[in-house]
Amino acid sequence: SLLPRSSLALLLTSLPPCLTCMRAKGSSFSLLVGVNLLKFTSLPLSRGFHLTSTLAMATAEESANMYLKDGRVTILAYGALLSERSARLTFPHLRDFRLVRVQDHRRVFAHPHNFLIQQGIIDPSTTLRFASLSVEPALGHQLTAAAFEVDMDGKQRQSFVEREQEYQFGIATFTDIRGEGRREGVLCLANDDSSIPEETRRKLKVPLVWGWGERSGLEPAWIYLRHCILACRKGGEEAERSFLDETFLVDRKTTIRDYLQLHPEVLDSSPPPYLESRFNG
């Protein structure tokens, strides 16, 4: 049945997150509260209320079809793509590259960097230093990201999905770097293992991608962390400051600035020669 947007918002905000999960497909979705499955259809998932940036779990392809439609799309980048050079490797024809402030989201190193593991550069059986970067909804948190415009089409959408298979795409609100104006952009969000395509899961060499506990001891992959820091430096002083002070380890307490004080040798780590161009900011 059709539920008014205001009523649904009230329902969602009154539920404990641990009891709530949702799966979206197009304009229909199912909400699981405890053991009760509530189904809603024809709910507008457009401007002003976006479920995938709060509770939804969807595959990269499902969420891409929802948010990366053909036409002009604002992309929000918060890691290596803070470097315009790196961003243009993925989106060669991007426009209006600028720094912005993303609202109510937290940047964390909280899931494995599967590419580095699959390449044999990191052995997860011998170390916990293999985390990659994601963003998760977190009320009151902010971060500096890059925003840019892309004329999205099927080819670019498919390429983006293949690059970010473990994530889901969602909407976040952002302002300009001075905190003025409010717009919405698409970014890669933390997801759930059940939403990773089976073919991708079969290739994984770790027990899980999402869901590492705050006491798991997971740490950033040093090669990738160095890559992000170099990219942020290219983005300017504010991009670097935000990355150091507004990016957290899996414990959601330790900042990257704190971590680098303990491990300054991170910046001396380097990728193998064949990946130098990809992991050098």
C-alpha atoms as a PDB file:
ATOM      1  CA  SER A   1       0.000   0.000   0.000  1.00  0.00           C
ATOM      2  CA  LEU A   2       1.090   3.580  -0.528  1.00  0.00           C
ATOM      3  CA  LEU A   3       2.482   5.183   2.635  1.00  0.00           C
ATOM      4  CA  PRO A   4       2.808   8.975   2.904  1.00  0.00           C
ATOM      5  CA  ARG A   5       6.417  10.100   2.939  1.00  0.00           C
ATOM      6  CA  SER A   6       6.060  11.874   6.296  1.00  0.00           C
ATOM      7  CA  SER A   7       4.584   8.773   7.937  1.00  0.00           C
ATOM      8  CA  LEU A   8       7.357   6.564   6.597  1.00  0.00           C
ATOM      9  CA  ALA A   9      10.026   8.967   7.821  1.00  0.00           C
ATOM     10  CA  LEU A  10       8.485   8.923  11.309  1.00  0.00           C
ATOM     11  CA  LEU A  11       8.333   5.127  11.253  1.00  0.00           C
ATOM     12  CA  LEU A  12      11.969   4.742  10.233  1.00  0.00           C
ATOM     13  CA  THR A  13      13.354   7.225  12.744  1.00  0.00           C
ATOM     14  CA  SER A  14      11.503   5.502  15.588  1.00  0.00           C
ATOM     15  CA  LEU A  15      13.034   2.069  14.910  1.00  0.00           C
ATOM     16  CA  PRO A  16      16.325   0.791  16.325  1.00  0.00           C
ATOM     17  CA  PRO A  17      18.755   0.396  13.391  1.00  0.00           C
ATOM     18  CA  CYS A  18      19.673  -3.135  14.521  1.00  0.00           C
ATOM     19  CA  LEU A  19      16.079  -4.257  13.975  1.00  0.00           C
ATOM     20  CA  THR A  20      15.658  -2.678  10.587  1.00  0.00           C
ATOM     21  CA  CYS A  21      16.850  -3.600   7.127  1.00  0.00           C
ATOM     22  CA  MET A  22      15.456  -2.790   3.734  1.00  0.00           C
ATOM     23  CA  ARG A  23      15.863  -3.991   0.195  1.00  0.00           C
ATOM     24  CA  ALA A  24      14.938  -1.658  -2.639  1.00  0.00           C
ATOM     25  CA  LYS A  25      14.072  -2.380  -6.257  1.00  0.00           C
ATOM     26  CA  GLY A  26      13.001   0.477  -8.479  1.00  0.00           C
ATOM     27  CA  SER A  27      10.110   2.280  -6.828  1.00  0.00           C
ATOM     28  CA  SER A  28       9.174  -0.684  -4.600  1.00  0.00           C
ATOM     29  CA  PHE A  29      10.828  -1.870  -1.433  1.00  0.00           C
ATOM     30  CA  SER A  30      10.429  -4.184   1.546  1.00  0.00           C
ATOM     31  CA  LEU A  31      11.130  -3.172   5.125  1.00  0.00           C
ATOM     32  CA  LEU A  32      12.036  -5.862   7.656  1.00  0.00           C
ATOM     33  CA  VAL A  33      11.258  -4.959  11.271  1.00  0.00           C
ATOM     34  CA  GLY A  34      12.157  -7.852  13.532  1.00  0.00           C
ATOM     35  CA  VAL A  35      10.373 -10.772  11.878  1.00  0.00           C
ATOM     36  CA  ASN A  36       7.695  -8.659  10.198  1.00  0.00           C
ATOM     37  CA  LEU A  37       8.159  -7.826   6.536  1.00  0.00           C
ATOM     38  CA  LEU A  38       6.360  -4.632   5.582  1.00  0.00           C
ATOM     39  CA  LYS A  39       6.038  -4.008   1.849  1.00  0.00           C
ATOM     40  CA  PHE A  40       5.582  -0.601   0.271  1.00  0.00           C
ATOM     41  CA  THR A  41       5.186   0.209  -3.394  1.00  0.00           C
ATOM     42  CA  SER A  42       5.197   3.284  -5.616  1.00  0.00           C
ATOM     43  CA  LEU A  43       7.033   5.339  -2.994  1.00  0.00           C
ATOM     44  CA  PRO A  44       8.808   8.305  -4.602  1.00  0.00           C
ATOM     45  CA  LEU A  45      12.552   7.816  -4.134  1.00  0.00           C
ATOM     46  CA  SER A  46      13.451  11.214  -5.518  1.00  0.00           C
ATOM     47  CA  ARG A  47      14.624  14.509  -4.059  1.00  0.00           C
ATOM     48  CA  GLY A  48      14.201  15.025  -0.338  1.00  0.00           C
ATOM     49  CA  PHE A  49      14.003  11.462   0.979  1.00  0.00           C
ATOM     50  CA  HIS A  50      16.492   8.777  -0.021  1.00  0.00           C
ATOM     51  CA  LEU A  51      16.376   5.412   1.643  1.00  0.00           C
ATOM     52  CA  THR A  52      19.653   4.057   0.318  1.00  0.00           C
ATOM     53  CA  SER A  53      21.595   6.733   2.169  1.00  0.00           C
ATOM     54  CA  THR A  54      20.187   5.484   5.478  1.00  0.00           C
ATOM     55  CA  LEU A  55      18.927   1.912   5.748  1.00  0.00           C
ATOM     56  CA  ALA A  56      18.703   0.299   2.332  1.00  0.00           C
ATOM     57  CA  MET A  57      20.960  -2.485   1.150  1.00  0.00           C
ATOM     58  CA  ALA A  58      21.158  -2.935  -2.608  1.00  0.00           C
ATOM     59  CA  THR A  59      23.681  -4.250  -5.094  1.00  0.00           C
ATOM     60  CA  ALA A  60      25.847  -1.787  -6.954  1.00  0.00           C
ATOM     61  CA  GLU A  61      23.888  -2.483 -10.130  1.00  0.00           C
ATOM     62  CA  GLU A  62      20.473  -2.037  -8.485  1.00  0.00           C
ATOM     63  CA  SER A  63      21.432   1.234  -6.858  1.00  0.00           C
ATOM     64  CA  ALA A  64      23.217   2.465  -9.999  1.00  0.00           C
ATOM     65  CA  ASN A  65      20.027   1.978 -11.982  1.00  0.00           C
ATOM     66  CA  MET A  66      18.234   4.042  -9.352  1.00  0.00           C
ATOM     67  CA  TYR A  67      20.674   6.934  -8.978  1.00  0.00           C
ATOM     68  CA  LEU A  68      23.050   6.937 -11.960  1.00  0.00           C
ATOM     69  CA  LYS A  69      20.474   7.508 -14.645  1.00  0.00           C
ATOM     70  CA  ASP A  70      21.361   8.850 -18.082  1.00  0.00           C
ATOM     71  CA  GLY A  71      21.949  12.572 -18.087  1.00  0.00           C
ATOM     72  CA  ARG A  72      23.748  14.979 -15.778  1.00  0.00           C
ATOM     73  CA  VAL A  73      24.782  13.440 -12.451  1.00  0.00           C
ATOM     74  CA  THR A  74      26.750  15.031  -9.603  1.00  0.00           C
ATOM     75  CA  ILE A  75      29.338  12.565  -8.282  1.00  0.00           C
ATOM     76  CA  LEU A  76      30.829  12.907  -4.791  1.00  0.00           C
ATOM     77  CA  ALA A  77      34.337  11.451  -4.358  1.00  0.00           C
ATOM     78  CA  TYR A  78      35.996  11.116  -0.960  1.00  0.00           C
ATOM     79  CA  GLY A  79      39.161   9.029  -1.416  1.00  0.00           C
ATOM     80  CA  ALA A  80      41.670   8.733  -4.235  1.00  0.00           C
ATOM     81  CA  LEU A  81      39.323  10.605  -6.586  1.00  0.00           C
ATOM     82  CA  LEU A  82      39.896  13.763  -4.534  1.00  0.00           C
ATOM     83  CA  SER A  83      42.690  14.192  -7.045  1.00  0.00           C
ATOM     84  CA  GLU A  84      41.222  15.539 -10.288  1.00  0.00           C
ATOM     85  CA  ARG A  85      43.844  13.587 -12.196  1.00  0.00           C
ATOM     86  CA  SER A  86      42.657  10.334 -10.602  1.00  0.00           C
ATOM     87  CA  ALA A  87      39.001  11.272 -11.091  1.00  0.00           C
ATOM     88  CA  ARG A  88      39.592  11.795 -14.805  1.00  0.00           C
ATOM     89  CA  LEU A  89      40.928   8.258 -15.135  1.00  0.00           C
ATOM     90  CA  THR A  90      37.399   7.095 -14.318  1.00  0.00           C
ATOM     91  CA  PHE A  91      35.443  10.021 -15.798  1.00  0.00           C
ATOM     92  CA  PRO A  92      37.594  11.610 -18.553  1.00  0.00           C
ATOM     93  CA  HIS A  93      34.983  14.215 -19.472  1.00  0.00           C
ATOM     94  CA  LEU A  94      33.946  15.358 -15.996  1.00  0.00           C
ATOM     95  CA  ARG A  95      33.148  19.051 -15.451  1.00  0.00           C
ATOM     96  CA  ASP A  96      33.218  21.557 -12.612  1.00  0.00           C
ATOM     97  CA  PHE A  97      35.591  19.697 -10.275  1.00  0.00           C
ATOM     98  CA  ARG A  98      35.452  21.409  -6.838  1.00  0.00           C
ATOM     99  CA  LEU A  99      35.663  20.722  -3.107  1.00  0.00           C
ATOM    100  CA  VAL A 100      32.439  20.481  -1.080  1.00  0.00           C
ATOM    101  CA  ARG A 101      31.258  19.538   2.405  1.00  0.00           C
ATOM    102  CA  VAL A 102      29.203  16.335   2.683  1.00  0.00           C
ATOM    103  CA  GLN A 103      26.689  16.329   5.526  1.00  0.00           C
ATOM    104  CA  ASP A 104      25.748  13.540   7.979  1.00  0.00           C
ATOM    105  CA  HIS A 105      28.204  10.947   6.660  1.00  0.00           C
ATOM    106  CA  ARG A 106      31.400   9.479   8.128  1.00  0.00           C
ATOM    107  CA  ARG A 107      34.482   8.297   6.188  1.00  0.00           C
ATOM    108  CA  VAL A 108      35.988   5.047   7.513  1.00  0.00           C
ATOM    109  CA  PHE A 109      38.562   2.371   6.726  1.00  0.00           C
ATOM    110  CA  ALA A 110      36.283  -0.523   7.600  1.00  0.00           C
ATOM    111  CA  HIS A 111      36.297  -3.158   4.834  1.00  0.00           C
ATOM    112  CA  PRO A 112      38.965  -5.061   2.856  1.00  0.00           C
ATOM    113  CA  HIS A 113      40.689  -3.638  -0.205  1.00  0.00           C
ATOM    114  CA  ASN A 114      39.794  -6.618  -2.369  1.00  0.00           C
ATOM    115  CA  PHE A 115      41.836  -5.526  -5.386  1.00  0.00           C
ATOM    116  CA  LEU A 116      45.118  -5.458  -3.437  1.00  0.00           C
ATOM    117  CA  ILE A 117      44.281  -8.795  -1.841  1.00  0.00           C
ATOM    118  CA  GLN A 118      43.374 -10.448  -5.147  1.00  0.00           C
ATOM    119  CA  GLN A 119      46.590  -9.125  -6.703  1.00  0.00           C
ATOM    120  CA  GLY A 120      48.563 -10.909  -3.986  1.00  0.00           C
ATOM    121  CA  ILE A 121      50.035  -7.626  -2.733  1.00  0.00           C
ATOM    122  CA  ILE A 122      48.480  -8.153   0.705  1.00  0.00           C
ATOM    123  CA  ASP A 123      48.043 -11.532   2.386  1.00  0.00           C
ATOM    124  CA  PRO A 124      45.050 -11.299   4.771  1.00  0.00           C
ATOM    125  CA  SER A 125      46.184 -14.442   6.577  1.00  0.00           C
ATOM    126  CA  THR A 126      49.248 -12.619   7.911  1.00  0.00           C
ATOM    127  CA  THR A 127      48.036  -9.069   8.575  1.00  0.00           C
ATOM    128  CA  LEU A 128      45.003  -6.950   9.337  1.00  0.00           C
ATOM    129  CA  ARG A 129      46.402  -3.985   7.404  1.00  0.00           C
ATOM    130  CA  PHE A 130      44.188  -4.385   4.364  1.00  0.00           C
ATOM    131  CA  ALA A 131      41.284  -1.976   4.838  1.00  0.00           C
ATOM    132  CA  SER A 132      39.837   0.221   2.113  1.00  0.00           C
ATOM    133  CA  LEU A 133      37.692   3.315   2.366  1.00  0.00           C
ATOM    134  CA  SER A 134      33.936   3.778   2.509  1.00  0.00           C
ATOM    135  CA  VAL A 135      31.377   6.288   3.739  1.00  0.00           C
ATOM    136  CA  GLU A 136      28.462   5.496   6.025  1.00  0.00           C
ATOM    137  CA  PRO A 137      25.498   7.584   7.231  1.00  0.00           C
ATOM    138  CA  ALA A 138      26.336   9.199  10.577  1.00  0.00           C
ATOM    139  CA  LEU A 139      24.265  12.060  11.911  1.00  0.00           C
ATOM    140  CA  GLY A 140      26.329  15.139  12.714  1.00  0.00           C
ATOM    141  CA  HIS A 141      29.490  14.000  10.925  1.00  0.00           C
ATOM    142  CA  GLN A 142      30.871  15.885   7.941  1.00  0.00           C
ATOM    143  CA  LEU A 143      33.729  15.486   5.484  1.00  0.00           C
ATOM    144  CA  THR A 144      35.314  17.342   2.602  1.00  0.00           C
ATOM    145  CA  ALA A 145      34.862  15.603  -0.728  1.00  0.00           C
ATOM    146  CA  ALA A 146      35.221  16.413  -4.401  1.00  0.00           C
ATOM    147  CA  ALA A 147      32.103  17.051  -6.446  1.00  0.00           C
ATOM    148  CA  PHE A 148      31.987  17.017 -10.231  1.00  0.00           C
ATOM    149  CA  GLU A 149      29.434  16.733 -13.006  1.00  0.00           C
ATOM    150  CA  VAL A 150      29.215  13.756 -15.354  1.00  0.00           C
ATOM    151  CA  ASP A 151      26.997  13.240 -18.395  1.00  0.00           C
ATOM    152  CA  MET A 152      26.098   9.695 -17.420  1.00  0.00           C
ATOM    153  CA  ASP A 153      25.387   7.025 -20.031  1.00  0.00           C
ATOM    154  CA  GLY A 154      25.152   3.254 -20.039  1.00  0.00           C
ATOM    155  CA  LYS A 155      28.843   2.675 -20.729  1.00  0.00           C
ATOM    156  CA  GLN A 156      30.048   4.928 -17.913  1.00  0.00           C
ATOM    157  CA  ARG A 157      27.455   3.520 -15.516  1.00  0.00           C
ATOM    158  CA  GLN A 158      28.541  -0.063 -16.216  1.00  0.00           C
ATOM    159  CA  SER A 159      32.216   0.854 -15.836  1.00  0.00           C
ATOM    160  CA  PHE A 160      31.517   2.547 -12.493  1.00  0.00           C
ATOM    161  CA  VAL A 161      29.544  -0.467 -11.244  1.00  0.00           C
ATOM    162  CA  GLU A 162      32.359  -2.851 -12.209  1.00  0.00           C
ATOM    163  CA  ARG A 163      34.877  -0.667 -10.391  1.00  0.00           C
ATOM    164  CA  GLU A 164      32.786  -0.434  -7.196  1.00  0.00           C
ATOM    165  CA  GLN A 165      31.042  -3.829  -7.074  1.00  0.00           C
ATOM    166  CA  GLU A 166      31.046  -4.208  -3.305  1.00  0.00           C
ATOM    167  CA  TYR A 167      29.475  -0.798  -2.631  1.00  0.00           C
ATOM    168  CA  GLN A 168      26.003   0.572  -3.122  1.00  0.00           C
ATOM    169  CA  PHE A 169      25.337   3.964  -4.653  1.00  0.00           C
ATOM    170  CA  GLY A 170      23.274   6.456  -2.686  1.00  0.00           C
ATOM    171  CA  ILE A 171      22.452  10.112  -2.228  1.00  0.00           C
ATOM    172  CA  ALA A 172      24.050  12.576   0.187  1.00  0.00           C
ATOM    173  CA  THR A 173      23.445  16.258   0.822  1.00  0.00           C
ATOM    174  CA  PHE A 174      26.391  18.600   0.388  1.00  0.00           C
ATOM    175  CA  THR A 175      27.169  22.314   0.596  1.00  0.00           C
ATOM    176  CA  ASP A 176      29.907  24.369  -0.987  1.00  0.00           C
ATOM    177  CA  ILE A 177      33.216  24.527   0.854  1.00  0.00           C
ATOM    178  CA  ARG A 178      31.980  27.533   2.883  1.00  0.00           C
ATOM    179  CA  GLY A 179      28.942  25.591   4.099  1.00  0.00           C
ATOM    180  CA  GLU A 180      26.523  27.523   1.923  1.00  0.00           C
ATOM    181  CA  GLY A 181      23.808  26.183  -0.364  1.00  0.00           C
ATOM    182  CA  ARG A 182      22.456  22.632  -0.284  1.00  0.00           C
ATOM    183  CA  ARG A 183      22.512  20.139  -3.136  1.00  0.00           C
ATOM    184  CA  GLU A 184      22.513  16.380  -3.568  1.00  0.00           C
ATOM    185  CA  GLY A 185      25.072  14.095  -5.140  1.00  0.00           C
ATOM    186  CA  VAL A 186      25.712  10.396  -5.674  1.00  0.00           C
ATOM    187  CA  LEU A 187      28.436   8.591  -3.736  1.00  0.00           C
ATOM    188  CA  CYS A 188      29.625   5.058  -2.918  1.00  0.00           C
ATOM    189  CA  LEU A 189      28.236   3.875   0.411  1.00  0.00           C
ATOM    190  CA  ALA A 190      29.027   1.013   2.751  1.00  0.00           C
ATOM    191  CA  ASN A 191      26.930  -2.040   1.967  1.00  0.00           C
ATOM    192  CA  ASP A 192      26.153  -5.568   3.152  1.00  0.00           C
ATOM    193  CA  ASP A 193      27.721  -8.858   2.036  1.00  0.00           C
ATOM    194  CA  SER A 194      24.347 -10.216   0.938  1.00  0.00           C
ATOM    195  CA  SER A 195      24.237  -7.467  -1.694  1.00  0.00           C
ATOM    196  CA  ILE A 196      27.575  -8.366  -3.297  1.00  0.00           C
ATOM    197  CA  PRO A 197      27.104 -10.382  -6.522  1.00  0.00           C
ATOM    198  CA  GLU A 198      27.729 -14.097  -6.030  1.00  0.00           C
ATOM    199  CA  GLU A 199      30.420 -14.142  -8.729  1.00  0.00           C
ATOM    200  CA  THR A 200      32.313 -11.420  -6.874  1.00  0.00           C
ATOM    201  CA  ARG A 201      31.944 -13.168  -3.510  1.00  0.00           C
ATOM    202  CA  ARG A 202      33.443 -16.371  -4.918  1.00  0.00           C
ATOM    203  CA  LYS A 203      36.661 -14.502  -5.728  1.00  0.00           C
ATOM    204  CA  LEU A 204      37.092 -13.062  -2.249  1.00  0.00           C
ATOM    205  CA  LYS A 205      39.929 -14.243  -0.029  1.00  0.00           C
ATOM    206  CA  VAL A 206      38.503 -12.843   3.200  1.00  0.00           C
ATOM    207  CA  PRO A 207      35.654 -14.199   5.367  1.00  0.00           C
ATOM    208  CA  LEU A 208      33.554 -11.066   4.928  1.00  0.00           C
ATOM    209  CA  VAL A 209      33.671  -7.663   3.264  1.00  0.00           C
ATOM    210  CA  TRP A 210      31.220  -5.600   5.311  1.00  0.00           C
ATOM    211  CA  GLY A 211      30.516  -5.928   9.002  1.00  0.00           C
ATOM    212  CA  TRP A 212      33.996  -5.885  10.558  1.00  0.00           C
ATOM    213  CA  GLY A 213      33.569  -5.024  14.230  1.00  0.00           C
ATOM    214  CA  GLU A 214      34.930  -1.905  15.870  1.00  0.00           C
ATOM    215  CA  ARG A 215      37.269  -4.136  17.911  1.00  0.00           C
ATOM    216  CA  SER A 216      38.371  -6.281  14.957  1.00  0.00           C
ATOM    217  CA  GLY A 217      41.748  -4.546  14.729  1.00  0.00           C
ATOM    218  CA  LEU A 218      41.356  -3.857  11.022  1.00  0.00           C
ATOM    219  CA  GLU A 219      43.787  -1.184   9.785  1.00  0.00           C
ATOM    220  CA  PRO A 220      44.196   0.648   6.470  1.00  0.00           C
ATOM    221  CA  ALA A 221      46.120  -0.951   3.627  1.00  0.00           C
ATOM    222  CA  TRP A 222      49.254   1.177   3.721  1.00  0.00           C
ATOM    223  CA  ILE A 223      49.732   1.387  -0.046  1.00  0.00           C
ATOM    224  CA  TYR A 224      46.170   2.590  -0.458  1.00  0.00           C
ATOM    225  CA  LEU A 225      46.299   4.978   2.519  1.00  0.00           C
ATOM    226  CA  ARG A 226      49.430   6.602   1.083  1.00  0.00           C
ATOM    227  CA  HIS A 227      47.661   6.848  -2.289  1.00  0.00           C
ATOM    228  CA  CYS A 228      44.692   8.662  -0.695  1.00  0.00           C
ATOM    229  CA  ILE A 229      46.916  11.061   1.254  1.00  0.00           C
ATOM    230  CA  LEU A 230      48.853  11.999  -1.894  1.00  0.00           C
ATOM    231  CA  ALA A 231      45.574  12.512  -3.750  1.00  0.00           C
ATOM    232  CA  CYS A 232      44.246  14.745  -0.975  1.00  0.00           C
ATOM    233  CA  ARG A 233      47.406  16.835  -1.012  1.00  0.00           C
ATOM    234  CA  LYS A 234      46.806  17.461  -4.683  1.00  0.00           C
ATOM    235  CA  GLY A 235      43.272  18.515  -3.757  1.00  0.00           C
ATOM    236  CA  GLY A 236      44.605  21.255  -1.499  1.00  0.00           C
ATOM    237  CA  GLU A 237      45.038  22.088   2.187  1.00  0.00           C
ATOM    238  CA  GLU A 238      41.374  21.647   3.107  1.00  0.00           C
ATOM    239  CA  ALA A 239      41.100  18.275   1.372  1.00  0.00           C
ATOM    240  CA  GLU A 240      44.162  17.021   3.263  1.00  0.00           C
ATOM    241  CA  ARG A 241      43.003  18.447   6.610  1.00  0.00           C
ATOM    242  CA  SER A 242      39.610  16.802   6.311  1.00  0.00           C
ATOM    243  CA  PHE A 243      41.084  13.474   5.316  1.00  0.00           C
ATOM    244  CA  LEU A 244      43.432  13.470   8.301  1.00  0.00           C
ATOM    245  CA  ASP A 245      40.898  14.690  10.877  1.00  0.00           C
ATOM    246  CA  GLU A 246      37.568  13.413   9.498  1.00  0.00           C
ATOM    247  CA  THR A 247      38.534   9.896   8.446  1.00  0.00           C
ATOM    248  CA  PHE A 248      38.437   7.081  10.983  1.00  0.00           C
ATOM    249  CA  LEU A 249      39.686   3.569  11.501  1.00  0.00           C
ATOM    250  CA  VAL A 250      37.201   0.755  12.004  1.00  0.00           C
ATOM    251  CA  ASP A 251      36.887   1.706  15.700  1.00  0.00           C
ATOM    252  CA  ARG A 252      35.241   4.995  14.577  1.00  0.00           C
ATOM    253  CA  LYS A 253      37.458   6.834  17.110  1.00  0.00           C
ATOM    254  CA  THR A 254      41.028   6.844  15.790  1.00  0.00           C
ATOM    255  CA  THR A 255      41.567   9.467  13.102  1.00  0.00           C
ATOM    256  CA  ILE A 256      44.042   9.084  10.262  1.00  0.00           C
ATOM    257  CA  ARG A 257      46.104  11.901  11.764  1.00  0.00           C
ATOM    258  CA  ASP A 258      46.355   9.892  15.003  1.00  0.00           C
ATOM    259  CA  TYR A 259      47.219   6.750  13.058  1.00  0.00           C
ATOM    260  CA  LEU A 260      50.003   8.437  11.093  1.00  0.00           C
ATOM    261  CA  GLN A 261      51.553   9.695  14.329  1.00  0.00           C
ATOM    262  CA  LEU A 262      51.883   6.048  15.347  1.00  0.00           C
ATOM    263  CA  HIS A 263      52.930   4.862  11.876  1.00  0.00           C
ATOM    264  CA  PRO A 264      54.687   7.656   9.962  1.00  0.00           C
ATOM    265  CA  GLU A 265      56.335   4.990   7.793  1.00  0.00           C
ATOM    266  CA  VAL A 266      53.014   4.648   5.928  1.00  0.00           C
ATOM    267  CA  LEU A 267      54.185   7.426   3.610  1.00  0.00           C
ATOM    268  CA  ASP A 268      57.298   5.415   2.752  1.00  0.00           C
ATOM    269  CA  SER A 269      55.270   2.453   1.515  1.00  0.00           C
ATOM    270  CA  SER A 270      55.039   2.079  -2.236  1.00  0.00           C
ATOM    271  CA  PRO A 271      53.138  -0.106  -4.694  1.00  0.00           C
ATOM    272  CA  PRO A 272      54.838  -2.555  -7.071  1.00  0.00           C
ATOM    273  CA  PRO A 273      56.097  -0.913 -10.282  1.00  0.00           C
ATOM    274  CA  TYR A 274      53.170  -2.060 -12.403  1.00  0.00           C
ATOM    275  CA  LEU A 275      50.745  -0.223 -10.090  1.00  0.00           C
ATOM    276  CA  GLU A 276      52.737   2.974  -9.589  1.00  0.00           C
ATOM    277  CA  SER A 277      50.543   5.030 -11.884  1.00  0.00           C
ATOM    278  CA  ARG A 278      47.359   3.762 -10.219  1.00  0.00           C
ATOM    279  CA  PHE A 279      48.471   4.112  -6.581  1.00  0.00           C
ATOM    280  CA  ASN A 280      50.446   7.326  -6.589  1.00  0.00           C
ATOM    281  CA  GLY A 281      47.831   9.942  -5.815  1.00  0.00           C
END
